[in-house]
Amino acid sequence: MESALSWIGQIAEWIGAFVPRWAILDTTQGAIKFVGGSKVRVCGPGVHFWWPARTTLVTYPTAQQTDRLGTQTMETKDGRTFIVEGTITYCVENLALLIPVTHSATTAIVDITMTVVHDVCCSMDWETLQAEQRKGTIKTKLRNAAQKELSEYGIKVLRLKLNTLAKCRVLKISQSTSNEEN
């Protein structure tokens, strides 16, 4: 009986797509309207109306955000192995440059930033890297390099810092997965 009347729900959904919807965005949010699937319209804080039959609305935070950068094992140009972990603080200045070109904006931002951290840190020898960390100048180099890469996505990098910077040893262990009995 339920499946026999499911067509009524489908008709109600179809008719509902022609009724305008509204979204209220606060000062920490922005949105992108994809009108007709191809036009991109940026929406700031306030009340916004949209037609579901023709428009998709995607909201995203534009306020200051902080994301952790996972631990990476790297090697300096003089062959020293070390681990690094960091934090990026940023805000979104232009959603039209970020949302239409990324599937997962946060993942893209973190991945690009981790690549920047790798490139900057691996371009130095161990003594220089430690000296830059002690003086605090590595933060500026990292922030400037990340800003250069992320500006094309409408991101403003506020801070980029290393939480962990330590020498390490890397041991590669090979293990057979077969269980041989003797």
C-alpha atoms as a PDB file:
ATOM      1  CA  MET A   1       0.000   0.000   0.000  1.00  0.00           C
ATOM      2  CA  GLU A   2       2.840   2.343   0.895  1.00  0.00           C
ATOM      3  CA  SER A   3       4.574   2.016  -2.466  1.00  0.00           C
ATOM      4  CA  ALA A   4       1.280   2.334  -4.276  1.00  0.00           C
ATOM      5  CA  LEU A   5       0.819   5.855  -2.858  1.00  0.00           C
ATOM      6  CA  SER A   6       4.465   6.971  -3.022  1.00  0.00           C
ATOM      7  CA  TRP A   7       3.728   8.809  -6.258  1.00  0.00           C
ATOM      8  CA  ILE A   8       1.733  11.361  -4.239  1.00  0.00           C
ATOM      9  CA  GLY A   9       4.876  12.283  -2.286  1.00  0.00           C
ATOM     10  CA  GLN A  10       6.845  12.599  -5.504  1.00  0.00           C
ATOM     11  CA  ILE A  11       4.252  14.959  -6.965  1.00  0.00           C
ATOM     12  CA  ALA A  12       4.294  17.054  -3.764  1.00  0.00           C
ATOM     13  CA  GLU A  13       8.109  17.288  -3.973  1.00  0.00           C
ATOM     14  CA  TRP A  14       7.932  18.334  -7.606  1.00  0.00           C
ATOM     15  CA  ILE A  15       5.362  21.057  -6.890  1.00  0.00           C
ATOM     16  CA  GLY A  16       7.411  22.181  -3.865  1.00  0.00           C
ATOM     17  CA  ALA A  17      10.397  22.843  -6.122  1.00  0.00           C
ATOM     18  CA  PHE A  18       8.444  25.752  -7.627  1.00  0.00           C
ATOM     19  CA  VAL A  19       7.871  27.423  -4.260  1.00  0.00           C
ATOM     20  CA  PRO A  20      10.601  29.930  -3.314  1.00  0.00           C
ATOM     21  CA  ARG A  21      12.741  29.140  -0.263  1.00  0.00           C
ATOM     22  CA  TRP A  22      14.669  31.482   1.947  1.00  0.00           C
ATOM     23  CA  ALA A  23      17.895  31.228   3.898  1.00  0.00           C
ATOM     24  CA  ILE A  24      19.160  33.512   6.636  1.00  0.00           C
ATOM     25  CA  LEU A  25      22.936  33.890   6.733  1.00  0.00           C
ATOM     26  CA  ASP A  26      24.590  35.374   9.804  1.00  0.00           C
ATOM     27  CA  THR A  27      27.835  37.385   9.764  1.00  0.00           C
ATOM     28  CA  THR A  28      29.974  34.239   9.954  1.00  0.00           C
ATOM     29  CA  GLN A  29      28.541  32.675   6.795  1.00  0.00           C
ATOM     30  CA  GLY A  30      28.372  33.178   3.101  1.00  0.00           C
ATOM     31  CA  ALA A  31      26.686  31.229   0.351  1.00  0.00           C
ATOM     32  CA  ILE A  32      26.906  30.529  -3.326  1.00  0.00           C
ATOM     33  CA  LYS A  33      23.794  30.262  -5.488  1.00  0.00           C
ATOM     34  CA  PHE A  34      24.232  28.087  -8.563  1.00  0.00           C
ATOM     35  CA  VAL A  35      21.496  29.435 -10.815  1.00  0.00           C
ATOM     36  CA  GLY A  36      20.567  27.211 -13.718  1.00  0.00           C
ATOM     37  CA  GLY A  37      23.594  25.069 -12.933  1.00  0.00           C
ATOM     38  CA  SER A  38      26.080  27.518 -14.462  1.00  0.00           C
ATOM     39  CA  LYS A  39      25.700  31.027 -13.033  1.00  0.00           C
ATOM     40  CA  VAL A  40      27.446  31.661  -9.718  1.00  0.00           C
ATOM     41  CA  ARG A  41      26.089  34.306  -7.356  1.00  0.00           C
ATOM     42  CA  VAL A  42      27.746  35.146  -4.035  1.00  0.00           C
ATOM     43  CA  CYS A  43      25.478  35.806  -1.041  1.00  0.00           C
ATOM     44  CA  GLY A  44      26.655  37.649   2.044  1.00  0.00           C
ATOM     45  CA  PRO A  45      24.971  37.886   5.452  1.00  0.00           C
ATOM     46  CA  GLY A  46      21.221  38.547   5.375  1.00  0.00           C
ATOM     47  CA  VAL A  47      18.051  36.986   3.975  1.00  0.00           C
ATOM     48  CA  HIS A  48      18.252  35.345   0.555  1.00  0.00           C
ATOM     49  CA  PHE A  49      15.456  33.860  -1.531  1.00  0.00           C
ATOM     50  CA  TRP A  50      15.988  31.113  -4.076  1.00  0.00           C
ATOM     51  CA  TRP A  51      13.917  28.841  -6.289  1.00  0.00           C
ATOM     52  CA  PRO A  52      14.772  25.128  -5.764  1.00  0.00           C
ATOM     53  CA  ALA A  53      13.577  24.233  -9.281  1.00  0.00           C
ATOM     54  CA  ARG A  54      16.351  26.350 -10.769  1.00  0.00           C
ATOM     55  CA  THR A  55      18.867  27.107  -8.012  1.00  0.00           C
ATOM     56  CA  THR A  56      21.144  25.266  -5.597  1.00  0.00           C
ATOM     57  CA  LEU A  57      22.315  27.092  -2.477  1.00  0.00           C
ATOM     58  CA  VAL A  58      25.606  26.096  -0.834  1.00  0.00           C
ATOM     59  CA  THR A  59      26.565  27.748   2.468  1.00  0.00           C
ATOM     60  CA  TYR A  60      30.110  27.905   3.846  1.00  0.00           C
ATOM     61  CA  PRO A  61      31.699  29.656   6.850  1.00  0.00           C
ATOM     62  CA  THR A  62      33.595  32.837   5.986  1.00  0.00           C
ATOM     63  CA  ALA A  63      34.653  33.779   9.524  1.00  0.00           C
ATOM     64  CA  GLN A  64      38.079  33.023  10.958  1.00  0.00           C
ATOM     65  CA  GLN A  65      38.741  29.273  10.984  1.00  0.00           C
ATOM     66  CA  THR A  66      41.572  27.170  12.352  1.00  0.00           C
ATOM     67  CA  ASP A  67      42.525  23.748  11.002  1.00  0.00           C
ATOM     68  CA  ARG A  68      45.182  21.343  12.207  1.00  0.00           C
ATOM     69  CA  LEU A  69      47.755  20.151   9.746  1.00  0.00           C
ATOM     70  CA  GLY A  70      48.583  16.478  10.180  1.00  0.00           C
ATOM     71  CA  THR A  71      51.998  15.204  11.159  1.00  0.00           C
ATOM     72  CA  GLN A  72      54.408  14.918   8.239  1.00  0.00           C
ATOM     73  CA  THR A  73      57.795  13.240   8.091  1.00  0.00           C
ATOM     74  CA  MET A  74      60.282  15.227   6.028  1.00  0.00           C
ATOM     75  CA  GLU A  75      63.963  15.481   5.202  1.00  0.00           C
ATOM     76  CA  THR A  76      66.035  18.657   5.168  1.00  0.00           C
ATOM     77  CA  LYS A  77      68.363  19.437   2.297  1.00  0.00           C
ATOM     78  CA  ASP A  78      71.288  18.191   4.429  1.00  0.00           C
ATOM     79  CA  GLY A  79      69.605  14.787   4.905  1.00  0.00           C
ATOM     80  CA  ARG A  80      68.157  15.130   8.427  1.00  0.00           C
ATOM     81  CA  THR A  81      64.796  13.460   8.976  1.00  0.00           C
ATOM     82  CA  PHE A  82      62.247  15.324  11.077  1.00  0.00           C
ATOM     83  CA  ILE A  83      58.549  15.519  11.829  1.00  0.00           C
ATOM     84  CA  VAL A  84      56.435  18.612  11.640  1.00  0.00           C
ATOM     85  CA  GLU A  85      52.858  19.409  12.600  1.00  0.00           C
ATOM     86  CA  GLY A  86      51.129  22.769  12.353  1.00  0.00           C
ATOM     87  CA  THR A  87      48.020  24.904  12.485  1.00  0.00           C
ATOM     88  CA  ILE A  88      46.594  27.278   9.893  1.00  0.00           C
ATOM     89  CA  THR A  89      44.204  30.122  10.719  1.00  0.00           C
ATOM     90  CA  TYR A  90      42.417  31.735   7.782  1.00  0.00           C
ATOM     91  CA  CYS A  91      39.232  33.373   6.579  1.00  0.00           C
ATOM     92  CA  VAL A  92      37.415  33.142   3.267  1.00  0.00           C
ATOM     93  CA  GLU A  93      37.370  36.462   1.426  1.00  0.00           C
ATOM     94  CA  ASN A  94      35.852  35.296  -1.867  1.00  0.00           C
ATOM     95  CA  LEU A  95      33.567  32.258  -1.929  1.00  0.00           C
ATOM     96  CA  ALA A  96      33.256  32.481  -5.713  1.00  0.00           C
ATOM     97  CA  LEU A  97      36.922  31.446  -6.022  1.00  0.00           C
ATOM     98  CA  LEU A  98      36.646  28.557  -3.538  1.00  0.00           C
ATOM     99  CA  ILE A  99      33.324  26.718  -3.665  1.00  0.00           C
ATOM    100  CA  PRO A 100      32.804  26.255  -7.438  1.00  0.00           C
ATOM    101  CA  VAL A 101      36.284  24.761  -7.946  1.00  0.00           C
ATOM    102  CA  THR A 102      36.689  22.469  -4.902  1.00  0.00           C
ATOM    103  CA  HIS A 103      34.735  19.431  -3.825  1.00  0.00           C
ATOM    104  CA  SER A 104      35.808  19.713  -0.193  1.00  0.00           C
ATOM    105  CA  ALA A 105      37.093  23.210   0.517  1.00  0.00           C
ATOM    106  CA  THR A 106      38.561  22.442   3.944  1.00  0.00           C
ATOM    107  CA  THR A 107      40.435  19.392   2.653  1.00  0.00           C
ATOM    108  CA  ALA A 108      41.817  21.397  -0.267  1.00  0.00           C
ATOM    109  CA  ILE A 109      43.008  24.193   2.032  1.00  0.00           C
ATOM    110  CA  VAL A 110      44.712  21.763   4.434  1.00  0.00           C
ATOM    111  CA  ASP A 111      46.350  19.762   1.612  1.00  0.00           C
ATOM    112  CA  ILE A 112      47.694  22.852  -0.142  1.00  0.00           C
ATOM    113  CA  THR A 113      49.014  24.208   3.150  1.00  0.00           C
ATOM    114  CA  MET A 114      50.714  20.918   4.041  1.00  0.00           C
ATOM    115  CA  THR A 115      52.459  20.993   0.665  1.00  0.00           C
ATOM    116  CA  VAL A 116      53.653  24.553   1.380  1.00  0.00           C
ATOM    117  CA  VAL A 117      54.983  23.499   4.805  1.00  0.00           C
ATOM    118  CA  HIS A 118      56.842  20.626   3.147  1.00  0.00           C
ATOM    119  CA  ASP A 119      58.358  22.801   0.428  1.00  0.00           C
ATOM    120  CA  VAL A 120      59.504  25.565   2.800  1.00  0.00           C
ATOM    121  CA  CYS A 121      60.908  23.275   5.489  1.00  0.00           C
ATOM    122  CA  CYS A 122      62.669  20.887   3.102  1.00  0.00           C
ATOM    123  CA  SER A 123      64.422  23.766   1.332  1.00  0.00           C
ATOM    124  CA  MET A 124      66.549  24.447   4.447  1.00  0.00           C
ATOM    125  CA  ASP A 125      69.247  22.566   6.293  1.00  0.00           C
ATOM    126  CA  TRP A 126      68.523  21.428   9.867  1.00  0.00           C
ATOM    127  CA  GLU A 127      70.502  24.188  11.613  1.00  0.00           C
ATOM    128  CA  THR A 128      68.776  26.940   9.591  1.00  0.00           C
ATOM    129  CA  LEU A 129      65.354  25.404  10.191  1.00  0.00           C
ATOM    130  CA  GLN A 130      65.928  25.278  13.956  1.00  0.00           C
ATOM    131  CA  ALA A 131      67.292  28.842  14.011  1.00  0.00           C
ATOM    132  CA  GLU A 132      64.271  30.120  12.042  1.00  0.00           C
ATOM    133  CA  GLN A 133      61.931  28.326  14.461  1.00  0.00           C
ATOM    134  CA  ARG A 134      63.669  29.853  17.518  1.00  0.00           C
ATOM    135  CA  LYS A 135      63.613  33.370  16.019  1.00  0.00           C
ATOM    136  CA  GLY A 136      60.010  33.013  14.888  1.00  0.00           C
ATOM    137  CA  THR A 137      60.810  33.873  11.278  1.00  0.00           C
ATOM    138  CA  ILE A 138      59.683  30.494   9.963  1.00  0.00           C
ATOM    139  CA  LYS A 139      56.068  31.487  10.722  1.00  0.00           C
ATOM    140  CA  THR A 140      56.331  34.477   8.408  1.00  0.00           C
ATOM    141  CA  LYS A 141      57.908  32.436   5.615  1.00  0.00           C
ATOM    142  CA  LEU A 142      55.234  29.762   5.932  1.00  0.00           C
ATOM    143  CA  ARG A 143      52.371  32.276   6.064  1.00  0.00           C
ATOM    144  CA  ASN A 144      53.633  34.197   3.019  1.00  0.00           C
ATOM    145  CA  ALA A 145      54.136  31.012   0.991  1.00  0.00           C
ATOM    146  CA  ALA A 146      50.686  29.687   1.967  1.00  0.00           C
ATOM    147  CA  GLN A 147      49.073  33.038   1.142  1.00  0.00           C
ATOM    148  CA  LYS A 148      50.644  32.950  -2.310  1.00  0.00           C
ATOM    149  CA  GLU A 149      49.201  29.480  -2.986  1.00  0.00           C
ATOM    150  CA  LEU A 150      45.771  30.004  -1.388  1.00  0.00           C
ATOM    151  CA  SER A 151      45.005  33.495  -2.715  1.00  0.00           C
ATOM    152  CA  GLU A 152      43.760  32.003  -5.986  1.00  0.00           C
ATOM    153  CA  TYR A 153      41.037  30.295  -3.904  1.00  0.00           C
ATOM    154  CA  GLY A 154      39.932  33.495  -2.166  1.00  0.00           C
ATOM    155  CA  ILE A 155      41.601  32.577   1.145  1.00  0.00           C
ATOM    156  CA  LYS A 156      43.348  35.051   3.429  1.00  0.00           C
ATOM    157  CA  VAL A 157      45.922  33.319   5.637  1.00  0.00           C
ATOM    158  CA  LEU A 158      46.029  34.944   9.062  1.00  0.00           C
ATOM    159  CA  ARG A 159      48.518  32.617  10.768  1.00  0.00           C
ATOM    160  CA  LEU A 160      50.464  29.494   9.949  1.00  0.00           C
ATOM    161  CA  LYS A 161      52.597  28.048  12.685  1.00  0.00           C
ATOM    162  CA  LEU A 162      54.403  24.871  13.527  1.00  0.00           C
ATOM    163  CA  ASN A 163      53.274  23.117  16.698  1.00  0.00           C
ATOM    164  CA  THR A 164      55.853  20.341  16.413  1.00  0.00           C
ATOM    165  CA  LEU A 165      59.324  20.360  14.889  1.00  0.00           C
ATOM    166  CA  ALA A 166      61.544  17.476  15.980  1.00  0.00           C
ATOM    167  CA  LYS A 167      64.219  15.197  14.599  1.00  0.00           C
ATOM    168  CA  CYS A 168      63.184  11.595  14.170  1.00  0.00           C
ATOM    169  CA  ARG A 169      64.260   8.300  12.731  1.00  0.00           C
ATOM    170  CA  VAL A 170      62.262   6.469  10.155  1.00  0.00           C
ATOM    171  CA  LEU A 171      62.208   2.694  10.299  1.00  0.00           C
ATOM    172  CA  LYS A 172      60.566   0.822   7.496  1.00  0.00           C
ATOM    173  CA  ILE A 173      59.229  -2.542   8.560  1.00  0.00           C
ATOM    174  CA  SER A 174      58.355  -5.200   6.018  1.00  0.00           C
ATOM    175  CA  GLN A 175      56.155  -7.964   7.240  1.00  0.00           C
ATOM    176  CA  SER A 176      54.850 -11.027   5.517  1.00  0.00           C
ATOM    177  CA  THR A 177      51.095 -11.444   5.709  1.00  0.00           C
ATOM    178  CA  SER A 178      51.115 -15.194   5.165  1.00  0.00           C
ATOM    179  CA  ASN A 179      50.893 -17.533   8.134  1.00  0.00           C
ATOM    180  CA  GLU A 180      53.273 -20.361   7.468  1.00  0.00           C
ATOM    181  CA  GLU A 181      53.321 -23.157   9.983  1.00  0.00           C
ATOM    182  CA  ASN A 182      56.397 -25.330  10.358  1.00  0.00           C
END
